[in-house]
Amino acid sequence: MTLTFSIRIHDSFAGLKPLIEELTERFEKLFHNIQTVEWDVTEEGPEKEVLCRIHSQSGFYRASAKSSDASDAAREVVTKLEKQRRRRKEQIISGRDAPEDG
């Protein structure tokens, strides 16, 4: 798995890197054969925006969130990605192979 960070917030990399690595480990339980995980953290005024993209055998997934705290936004992104993956698994199990929305 290739893990890519792009954190464009002053003085935040040291604090966010361990959190993002920890959150990324949670993906291994939901996504099969993860090839890449890309995290992009930017600042938009007073808010931090976190974007995560996952490419795996399970498909392509993407989620983003904004918050005044980048850590909170990262946790929200993980929650959204987990929800997307669970929804997709339910579609496959029920026999509905509908296209994914993200």
N, C-alpha and C. Protein backbone atom coordinates (compact mmCIF):
# COMPACT_ATOMS: atom_id res chain seq x y z
N MET A 1 0.85 -1.17 0.00
CA MET A 1 0.00 0.00 0.00
C MET A 1 0.90 1.24 0.00
N THR A 2 0.56 2.18 -0.84
CA THR A 2 1.25 3.45 -0.89
C THR A 2 0.42 4.49 -0.14
N LEU A 3 1.03 5.15 0.81
CA LEU A 3 0.36 6.17 1.61
C LEU A 3 0.99 7.52 1.29
N THR A 4 0.16 8.48 0.84
CA THR A 4 0.65 9.79 0.46
C THR A 4 0.01 10.86 1.33
N PHE A 5 0.84 11.74 1.88
CA PHE A 5 0.36 12.87 2.68
C PHE A 5 0.62 14.16 1.91
N SER A 6 -0.32 15.06 1.97
CA SER A 6 -0.12 16.41 1.48
C SER A 6 -0.78 17.34 2.49
N ILE A 7 0.02 17.82 3.41
CA ILE A 7 -0.51 18.65 4.49
C ILE A 7 0.02 20.06 4.29
N ARG A 8 -0.87 20.98 3.96
CA ARG A 8 -0.48 22.37 3.67
C ARG A 8 -1.00 23.31 4.74
N ILE A 9 -0.70 22.96 5.98
CA ILE A 9 -1.07 23.81 7.11
C ILE A 9 0.19 23.98 7.95
N HIS A 10 0.51 25.19 8.29
CA HIS A 10 1.72 25.47 9.05
C HIS A 10 1.70 24.76 10.40
N ASP A 11 2.81 24.15 10.76
CA ASP A 11 3.02 23.54 12.08
C ASP A 11 2.05 22.42 12.40
N SER A 12 1.47 21.75 11.41
CA SER A 12 0.50 20.70 11.69
C SER A 12 0.97 19.32 11.30
N PHE A 13 2.00 19.20 10.50
CA PHE A 13 2.40 17.90 9.98
C PHE A 13 2.78 16.93 11.10
N ALA A 14 3.57 17.39 12.05
CA ALA A 14 4.04 16.51 13.13
C ALA A 14 2.88 15.95 13.94
N GLY A 15 1.87 16.74 14.17
CA GLY A 15 0.73 16.26 14.96
C GLY A 15 -0.25 15.42 14.17
N LEU A 16 -0.39 15.72 12.88
CA LEU A 16 -1.36 15.00 12.07
C LEU A 16 -0.85 13.68 11.52
N LYS A 17 0.44 13.58 11.25
CA LYS A 17 0.97 12.37 10.62
C LYS A 17 0.66 11.10 11.42
N PRO A 18 0.92 11.05 12.73
CA PRO A 18 0.59 9.83 13.48
C PRO A 18 -0.91 9.52 13.48
N LEU A 19 -1.73 10.55 13.56
CA LEU A 19 -3.19 10.34 13.54
C LEU A 19 -3.62 9.77 12.19
N ILE A 20 -3.12 10.33 11.11
CA ILE A 20 -3.50 9.86 9.78
C ILE A 20 -3.03 8.43 9.56
N GLU A 21 -1.83 8.10 10.03
CA GLU A 21 -1.35 6.72 9.91
C GLU A 21 -2.25 5.76 10.69
N GLU A 22 -2.67 6.18 11.88
CA GLU A 22 -3.56 5.36 12.71
C GLU A 22 -4.92 5.17 12.03
N LEU A 23 -5.47 6.26 11.49
CA LEU A 23 -6.77 6.18 10.83
C LEU A 23 -6.69 5.33 9.56
N THR A 24 -5.57 5.41 8.85
CA THR A 24 -5.40 4.63 7.63
C THR A 24 -5.40 3.13 7.92
N GLU A 25 -4.85 2.74 9.06
CA GLU A 25 -4.84 1.32 9.44
C GLU A 25 -6.26 0.75 9.53
N ARG A 26 -7.23 1.58 9.89
CA ARG A 26 -8.61 1.11 9.99
C ARG A 26 -9.16 0.68 8.63
N PHE A 27 -8.63 1.26 7.54
CA PHE A 27 -9.12 0.91 6.21
C PHE A 27 -8.82 -0.53 5.83
N GLU A 28 -7.76 -1.10 6.37
CA GLU A 28 -7.36 -2.45 6.00
C GLU A 28 -8.42 -3.49 6.35
N LYS A 29 -9.29 -3.18 7.30
CA LYS A 29 -10.35 -4.10 7.68
C LYS A 29 -11.53 -4.05 6.71
N LEU A 30 -11.70 -2.94 6.02
CA LEU A 30 -12.87 -2.76 5.14
C LEU A 30 -12.56 -2.91 3.66
N PHE A 31 -11.37 -2.50 3.25
CA PHE A 31 -11.04 -2.47 1.84
C PHE A 31 -10.05 -3.58 1.51
N HIS A 32 -10.28 -4.28 0.39
CA HIS A 32 -9.42 -5.39 -0.01
C HIS A 32 -8.29 -4.89 -0.90
N ASN A 33 -7.08 -5.37 -0.60
CA ASN A 33 -5.91 -5.10 -1.43
C ASN A 33 -5.78 -3.61 -1.76
N ILE A 34 -5.58 -2.82 -0.73
CA ILE A 34 -5.44 -1.37 -0.91
C ILE A 34 -4.16 -1.08 -1.68
N GLN A 35 -4.29 -0.30 -2.74
CA GLN A 35 -3.12 0.06 -3.54
C GLN A 35 -2.58 1.43 -3.13
N THR A 36 -3.47 2.43 -3.03
CA THR A 36 -3.03 3.75 -2.60
C THR A 36 -4.05 4.40 -1.68
N VAL A 37 -3.54 5.17 -0.74
CA VAL A 37 -4.36 6.02 0.11
C VAL A 37 -3.72 7.40 0.06
N GLU A 38 -4.49 8.39 -0.35
CA GLU A 38 -3.98 9.76 -0.47
C GLU A 38 -4.75 10.67 0.48
N TRP A 39 -4.01 11.40 1.29
CA TRP A 39 -4.60 12.38 2.20
C TRP A 39 -4.15 13.76 1.78
N ASP A 40 -5.07 14.70 1.73
CA ASP A 40 -4.78 16.08 1.38
C ASP A 40 -5.43 16.98 2.43
N VAL A 41 -4.61 17.74 3.13
CA VAL A 41 -5.11 18.62 4.19
C VAL A 41 -4.75 20.06 3.80
N THR A 42 -5.77 20.90 3.71
CA THR A 42 -5.55 22.30 3.34
C THR A 42 -6.30 23.21 4.30
N GLU A 43 -5.96 24.47 4.22
CA GLU A 43 -6.60 25.47 5.07
C GLU A 43 -7.42 26.41 4.19
N GLU A 44 -8.66 26.58 4.54
CA GLU A 44 -9.55 27.50 3.82
C GLU A 44 -10.12 28.48 4.84
N GLY A 45 -9.45 29.58 4.98
CA GLY A 45 -9.87 30.54 6.00
C GLY A 45 -9.66 29.95 7.37
N PRO A 46 -10.68 30.04 8.24
CA PRO A 46 -10.52 29.49 9.58
C PRO A 46 -10.70 27.97 9.62
N GLU A 47 -11.16 27.37 8.52
CA GLU A 47 -11.44 25.93 8.51
C GLU A 47 -10.33 25.14 7.83
N LYS A 48 -10.16 23.91 8.29
CA LYS A 48 -9.24 22.97 7.65
C LYS A 48 -10.09 21.99 6.84
N GLU A 49 -9.65 21.70 5.63
CA GLU A 49 -10.35 20.73 4.79
C GLU A 49 -9.46 19.51 4.63
N VAL A 50 -10.05 18.33 4.88
CA VAL A 50 -9.33 17.07 4.75
C VAL A 50 -10.02 16.26 3.67
N LEU A 51 -9.22 15.75 2.74
CA LEU A 51 -9.72 14.93 1.64
C LEU A 51 -8.93 13.63 1.66
N CYS A 52 -9.61 12.51 1.47
CA CYS A 52 -8.95 11.22 1.40
C CYS A 52 -9.49 10.45 0.20
N ARG A 53 -8.56 9.87 -0.56
CA ARG A 53 -8.92 9.03 -1.70
C ARG A 53 -8.30 7.66 -1.49
N ILE A 54 -9.08 6.62 -1.77
CA ILE A 54 -8.61 5.24 -1.63
C ILE A 54 -8.80 4.52 -2.95
N HIS A 55 -7.75 3.85 -3.39
CA HIS A 55 -7.84 2.99 -4.57
C HIS A 55 -7.51 1.58 -4.10
N SER A 56 -8.47 0.68 -4.26
CA SER A 56 -8.26 -0.70 -3.82
C SER A 56 -8.98 -1.64 -4.78
N GLN A 57 -8.80 -2.92 -4.52
CA GLN A 57 -9.51 -3.92 -5.31
C GLN A 57 -11.02 -3.75 -5.13
N SER A 58 -11.43 -3.19 -4.01
CA SER A 58 -12.84 -2.95 -3.72
C SER A 58 -13.40 -1.78 -4.52
N GLY A 59 -12.54 -0.97 -5.11
CA GLY A 59 -12.99 0.16 -5.91
C GLY A 59 -12.29 1.45 -5.52
N PHE A 60 -12.82 2.55 -6.03
CA PHE A 60 -12.30 3.88 -5.74
C PHE A 60 -13.27 4.57 -4.78
N TYR A 61 -12.73 5.16 -3.73
CA TYR A 61 -13.55 5.85 -2.74
C TYR A 61 -12.92 7.20 -2.46
N ARG A 62 -13.78 8.18 -2.13
CA ARG A 62 -13.32 9.54 -1.85
C ARG A 62 -14.28 10.20 -0.87
N ALA A 63 -13.71 10.93 0.08
CA ALA A 63 -14.55 11.69 1.02
C ALA A 63 -13.76 12.90 1.49
N SER A 64 -14.49 13.94 1.88
CA SER A 64 -13.85 15.13 2.43
C SER A 64 -14.71 15.69 3.55
N ALA A 65 -14.07 16.50 4.39
CA ALA A 65 -14.78 17.13 5.50
C ALA A 65 -14.04 18.41 5.87
N LYS A 66 -14.78 19.36 6.45
CA LYS A 66 -14.21 20.61 6.92
C LYS A 66 -14.52 20.77 8.40
N SER A 67 -13.56 21.35 9.11
CA SER A 67 -13.73 21.61 10.53
C SER A 67 -12.69 22.64 10.94
N SER A 68 -12.89 23.25 12.09
CA SER A 68 -11.89 24.19 12.59
C SER A 68 -10.65 23.43 13.08
N ASP A 69 -10.81 22.12 13.33
CA ASP A 69 -9.71 21.27 13.78
C ASP A 69 -9.46 20.19 12.73
N ALA A 70 -8.25 20.11 12.21
CA ALA A 70 -7.93 19.14 11.16
C ALA A 70 -8.10 17.70 11.65
N SER A 71 -7.84 17.43 12.91
CA SER A 71 -8.00 16.08 13.46
C SER A 71 -9.46 15.65 13.42
N ASP A 72 -10.36 16.55 13.79
CA ASP A 72 -11.79 16.24 13.74
C ASP A 72 -12.24 15.99 12.31
N ALA A 73 -11.75 16.79 11.38
CA ALA A 73 -12.11 16.62 9.97
C ALA A 73 -11.60 15.27 9.46
N ALA A 74 -10.39 14.87 9.85
CA ALA A 74 -9.84 13.58 9.41
C ALA A 74 -10.68 12.43 9.94
N ARG A 75 -11.11 12.52 11.19
CA ARG A 75 -11.96 11.45 11.76
C ARG A 75 -13.31 11.39 11.04
N GLU A 76 -13.86 12.54 10.68
CA GLU A 76 -15.12 12.58 9.95
C GLU A 76 -14.97 11.96 8.56
N VAL A 77 -13.84 12.19 7.92
CA VAL A 77 -13.57 11.60 6.61
C VAL A 77 -13.56 10.08 6.71
N VAL A 78 -12.90 9.56 7.74
CA VAL A 78 -12.84 8.10 7.92
C VAL A 78 -14.24 7.54 8.14
N THR A 79 -15.04 8.22 8.92
CA THR A 79 -16.42 7.77 9.14
C THR A 79 -17.20 7.73 7.83
N LYS A 80 -17.04 8.76 7.00
CA LYS A 80 -17.73 8.80 5.70
C LYS A 80 -17.27 7.66 4.79
N LEU A 81 -15.96 7.39 4.76
CA LEU A 81 -15.44 6.32 3.90
C LEU A 81 -15.92 4.95 4.38
N GLU A 82 -15.95 4.76 5.69
CA GLU A 82 -16.46 3.50 6.23
C GLU A 82 -17.93 3.32 5.86
N LYS A 83 -18.69 4.39 5.95
CA LYS A 83 -20.11 4.33 5.59
C LYS A 83 -20.28 3.99 4.10
N GLN A 84 -19.48 4.63 3.23
CA GLN A 84 -19.55 4.33 1.80
C GLN A 84 -19.25 2.86 1.54
N ARG A 85 -18.21 2.34 2.17
CA ARG A 85 -17.82 0.94 1.94
C ARG A 85 -18.89 -0.02 2.45
N ARG A 86 -19.43 0.24 3.62
CA ARG A 86 -20.50 -0.63 4.15
C ARG A 86 -21.73 -0.61 3.25
N ARG A 87 -22.08 0.58 2.77
CA ARG A 87 -23.23 0.70 1.87
C ARG A 87 -22.99 -0.11 0.60
N ARG A 88 -21.77 -0.05 0.05
CA ARG A 88 -21.43 -0.80 -1.15
C ARG A 88 -21.48 -2.30 -0.90
N LYS A 89 -20.99 -2.75 0.25
CA LYS A 89 -21.04 -4.17 0.60
C LYS A 89 -22.49 -4.64 0.69
N GLU A 90 -23.36 -3.82 1.28
CA GLU A 90 -24.78 -4.18 1.38
C GLU A 90 -25.41 -4.29 0.01
N GLN A 91 -25.03 -3.40 -0.92
CA GLN A 91 -25.56 -3.48 -2.29
C GLN A 91 -25.13 -4.78 -2.96
N ILE A 92 -23.89 -5.15 -2.77
CA ILE A 92 -23.39 -6.38 -3.38
C ILE A 92 -24.09 -7.60 -2.79
N ILE A 93 -24.26 -7.62 -1.49
CA ILE A 93 -24.90 -8.76 -0.81
C ILE A 93 -26.36 -8.88 -1.24
N SER A 94 -27.04 -7.74 -1.39
CA SER A 94 -28.46 -7.79 -1.75
C SER A 94 -28.66 -8.03 -3.24
N GLY A 95 -27.56 -8.09 -3.99
CA GLY A 95 -27.68 -8.36 -5.42
C GLY A 95 -27.87 -7.13 -6.27
N ARG A 96 -27.86 -5.97 -5.67
CA ARG A 96 -27.98 -4.73 -6.43
C ARG A 96 -26.57 -4.23 -6.72
N ASP A 97 -26.17 -4.31 -7.94
CA ASP A 97 -24.83 -3.85 -8.30
C ASP A 97 -24.92 -2.45 -8.88
N ALA A 98 -25.48 -1.56 -8.10
CA ALA A 98 -25.68 -0.16 -8.52
C ALA A 98 -24.34 0.56 -8.50
N PRO A 99 -24.18 1.57 -9.32
CA PRO A 99 -22.94 2.35 -9.30
C PRO A 99 -22.76 3.06 -7.96
N GLU A 100 -21.51 3.23 -7.57
CA GLU A 100 -21.20 3.87 -6.30
C GLU A 100 -21.34 5.38 -6.42
N ASP A 101 -21.77 5.97 -5.33
CA ASP A 101 -21.75 7.43 -5.26
C ASP A 101 -20.78 7.80 -4.16
N GLY A 102 -20.20 8.92 -4.25
CA GLY A 102 -19.16 9.21 -3.28
C GLY A 102 -19.17 10.56 -2.80
